[in-house]
Amino acid sequence: MIEEGTVAGIAIGWIMVVAGVVMLVIEAFSPGFFIAVPGTVLIILGLLSLFFPAIFNSPWIIAIAVAAGLVSAVATIWFYGRLTPEGSPTTVSRDSLLGREGRVLREVDAETLAGKVDINGVEWSARSVRTTIGTGTKVRVVKSEGVHIVVEEVEEHDT
């Protein structure tokens, strides 16, 4: 006959496993290390309670939970470290774009932000100061507004 505590332990085990899996799925779609460790710990403790239903009556449960937390934290940090690219991320401030030159990737006009400009290998939404500027034309940044730039055509001289 199955004891009442055993059934409750099995039910809690499944709840913990499911909650842990849900946390890992959320972490997969929104990475940030914030719920991967608790999700992993819940899965480990849930599986332990499924295989050993009386584990929650044992004083060892605290030591097991702490060990599972430490191991999963170290593993998660290592895993995210392997995913992170080497070096510091590049950042561009608005003012650092002023005066930079680039090429029009998609026609730029003064009325919309539909235009695209390549400045040092980075694609920016852009509008022009006055006129429409065609694809492939060399431009200079004269202003930065939020996440888009304002450009003017640069006359290219043959040397």
Protein backbone atom coordinates (compact mmCIF):
# COMPACT_ATOMS: atom_id res chain seq x y z
CA MET A 1 0.00 0.00 0.00
CA ILE A 2 1.28 3.47 -0.81
CA GLU A 3 1.60 5.79 2.17
CA GLU A 4 -0.14 9.14 2.13
CA GLY A 5 3.17 11.06 2.59
CA THR A 6 4.68 9.21 -0.34
CA VAL A 7 1.87 10.30 -2.67
CA ALA A 8 2.24 13.91 -1.50
CA GLY A 9 6.01 13.70 -2.06
CA ILE A 10 5.51 12.40 -5.58
CA ALA A 11 2.98 15.17 -6.36
CA ILE A 12 5.36 17.81 -5.00
CA GLY A 13 8.15 16.26 -7.05
CA TRP A 14 6.22 16.59 -10.29
CA ILE A 15 5.21 20.15 -9.44
CA MET A 16 8.86 21.04 -8.80
CA VAL A 17 10.03 19.40 -12.05
CA VAL A 18 7.38 21.18 -14.11
CA ALA A 19 8.08 24.53 -12.43
CA GLY A 20 11.81 24.06 -13.05
CA VAL A 21 11.29 23.23 -16.71
CA VAL A 22 9.04 26.28 -17.14
CA MET A 23 11.76 28.45 -15.58
CA LEU A 24 14.39 27.04 -17.94
CA VAL A 25 12.15 27.63 -20.96
CA ILE A 26 11.59 31.23 -19.87
CA GLU A 27 15.34 31.64 -19.39
CA ALA A 28 15.98 30.23 -22.87
CA PHE A 29 13.76 32.87 -24.46
CA SER A 30 14.94 35.69 -22.18
CA PRO A 31 18.53 34.93 -21.13
CA GLY A 32 19.99 36.61 -18.11
CA PHE A 33 20.89 33.92 -15.52
CA PHE A 34 18.09 35.06 -13.23
CA ILE A 35 15.93 31.92 -13.23
CA ALA A 36 18.16 29.22 -14.70
CA VAL A 37 19.68 28.32 -11.33
CA PRO A 38 16.42 28.11 -9.36
CA GLY A 39 14.87 26.19 -12.27
CA THR A 40 17.72 23.68 -12.26
CA VAL A 41 17.52 23.29 -8.47
CA LEU A 42 13.77 22.69 -8.68
CA ILE A 43 14.29 19.99 -11.31
CA ILE A 44 16.99 18.27 -9.23
CA LEU A 45 14.95 18.38 -6.02
CA GLY A 46 11.81 17.32 -7.87
CA LEU A 47 13.56 14.31 -9.39
CA LEU A 48 15.00 13.38 -6.00
CA SER A 49 11.53 13.49 -4.47
CA LEU A 50 10.18 11.28 -7.27
CA PHE A 51 12.86 8.64 -6.77
CA PHE A 52 13.12 9.03 -2.99
CA PRO A 53 9.73 10.30 -1.72
CA ALA A 54 10.85 10.32 1.93
CA ILE A 55 13.73 12.71 1.18
CA PHE A 56 11.78 15.71 2.46
CA ASN A 57 11.55 14.09 5.88
CA SER A 58 15.36 13.89 6.01
CA PRO A 59 17.68 16.55 7.45
CA TRP A 60 19.88 15.99 4.37
CA ILE A 61 17.42 17.85 2.13
CA ILE A 62 18.96 21.22 3.04
CA ALA A 63 22.48 20.03 2.22
CA ILE A 64 21.25 18.52 -1.05
CA ALA A 65 19.44 21.74 -2.00
CA VAL A 66 22.50 23.89 -1.25
CA ALA A 67 24.80 21.53 -3.18
CA ALA A 68 22.39 21.46 -6.14
CA GLY A 69 22.21 25.26 -6.09
CA LEU A 70 25.99 25.66 -6.04
CA VAL A 71 26.60 23.11 -8.78
CA SER A 72 23.89 24.55 -11.04
CA ALA A 73 25.11 28.12 -10.41
CA VAL A 74 28.67 27.21 -11.39
CA ALA A 75 27.47 25.26 -14.44
CA THR A 76 25.21 28.11 -15.55
CA ILE A 77 27.96 30.71 -15.18
CA TRP A 78 30.33 28.49 -17.16
CA PHE A 79 27.70 27.91 -19.88
CA TYR A 80 26.91 31.63 -20.26
CA GLY A 81 30.64 32.37 -20.29
CA ARG A 82 31.03 30.03 -23.28
CA LEU A 83 28.16 31.79 -25.12
CA THR A 84 29.52 35.31 -24.58
CA PRO A 85 31.74 36.62 -27.37
CA GLU A 86 35.32 37.56 -26.53
CA GLY A 87 36.16 41.23 -25.90
CA SER A 88 34.10 44.19 -24.85
CA PRO A 89 30.97 45.13 -26.75
CA THR A 90 31.28 48.14 -29.00
CA THR A 91 29.26 51.16 -28.03
CA VAL A 92 28.49 54.26 -30.04
CA SER A 93 27.34 57.49 -28.47
CA ARG A 94 25.16 59.85 -30.40
CA ASP A 95 27.77 62.58 -30.53
CA SER A 96 30.51 60.24 -31.77
CA LEU A 97 28.68 59.89 -35.10
CA LEU A 98 28.78 63.59 -35.98
CA GLY A 99 30.98 64.20 -39.00
CA ARG A 100 31.35 60.50 -39.83
CA GLU A 101 30.88 59.49 -43.44
CA GLY A 102 29.17 56.48 -44.91
CA ARG A 103 27.05 55.17 -47.79
CA VAL A 104 23.31 55.12 -48.38
CA LEU A 105 21.95 51.55 -48.35
CA ARG A 106 18.31 52.49 -48.93
CA GLU A 107 17.14 55.84 -50.36
CA VAL A 108 17.08 58.59 -47.71
CA ASP A 109 14.64 61.51 -47.74
CA ALA A 110 13.83 64.41 -45.42
CA GLU A 111 10.34 63.25 -44.49
CA THR A 112 10.69 59.65 -43.26
CA LEU A 113 13.07 57.35 -41.39
CA ALA A 114 12.76 54.63 -44.03
CA GLY A 115 16.25 55.38 -45.31
CA LYS A 116 19.22 53.26 -44.25
CA VAL A 117 22.85 54.35 -44.07
CA ASP A 118 26.00 52.35 -43.35
CA ILE A 119 28.41 54.15 -41.01
CA ASN A 120 31.57 52.15 -40.19
CA GLY A 121 29.82 48.83 -40.82
CA VAL A 122 26.74 49.66 -38.71
CA GLU A 123 23.36 50.18 -40.33
CA TRP A 124 21.42 53.24 -39.13
CA SER A 125 17.94 54.56 -39.85
CA ALA A 126 18.35 57.97 -41.41
CA ARG A 127 16.69 61.00 -42.90
CA SER A 128 18.26 63.73 -45.00
CA VAL A 129 18.57 67.42 -44.26
CA ARG A 130 16.68 68.57 -47.37
CA THR A 131 16.58 66.40 -50.47
CA THR A 132 16.29 62.76 -51.40
CA ILE A 133 19.62 60.96 -51.50
CA GLY A 134 19.96 57.86 -53.68
CA THR A 135 21.36 54.43 -52.83
CA GLY A 136 25.15 54.22 -52.95
CA THR A 137 25.68 57.93 -52.39
CA LYS A 138 28.34 59.05 -49.93
CA VAL A 139 26.89 60.96 -46.95
CA ARG A 140 28.05 62.72 -43.77
CA VAL A 141 26.26 62.68 -40.40
CA VAL A 142 25.20 66.20 -39.41
CA LYS A 143 22.91 65.38 -36.50
CA SER A 144 21.86 62.49 -34.30
CA GLU A 145 18.28 62.22 -33.04
CA GLY A 146 17.56 59.32 -30.69
CA VAL A 147 18.31 56.11 -32.58
CA HIS A 148 18.44 57.64 -36.05
CA ILE A 149 20.73 60.07 -37.81
CA VAL A 150 20.37 63.05 -40.12
CA VAL A 151 22.72 63.08 -43.11
CA GLU A 152 23.75 65.28 -45.99
CA GLU A 153 25.24 64.31 -49.31
CA VAL A 154 29.01 64.54 -49.65
CA GLU A 155 30.32 65.53 -53.04
CA GLU A 156 32.93 63.07 -54.21
CA HIS A 157 35.85 64.52 -56.12
CA ASP A 158 38.02 62.47 -58.46
CA THR A 159 41.70 62.79 -57.51
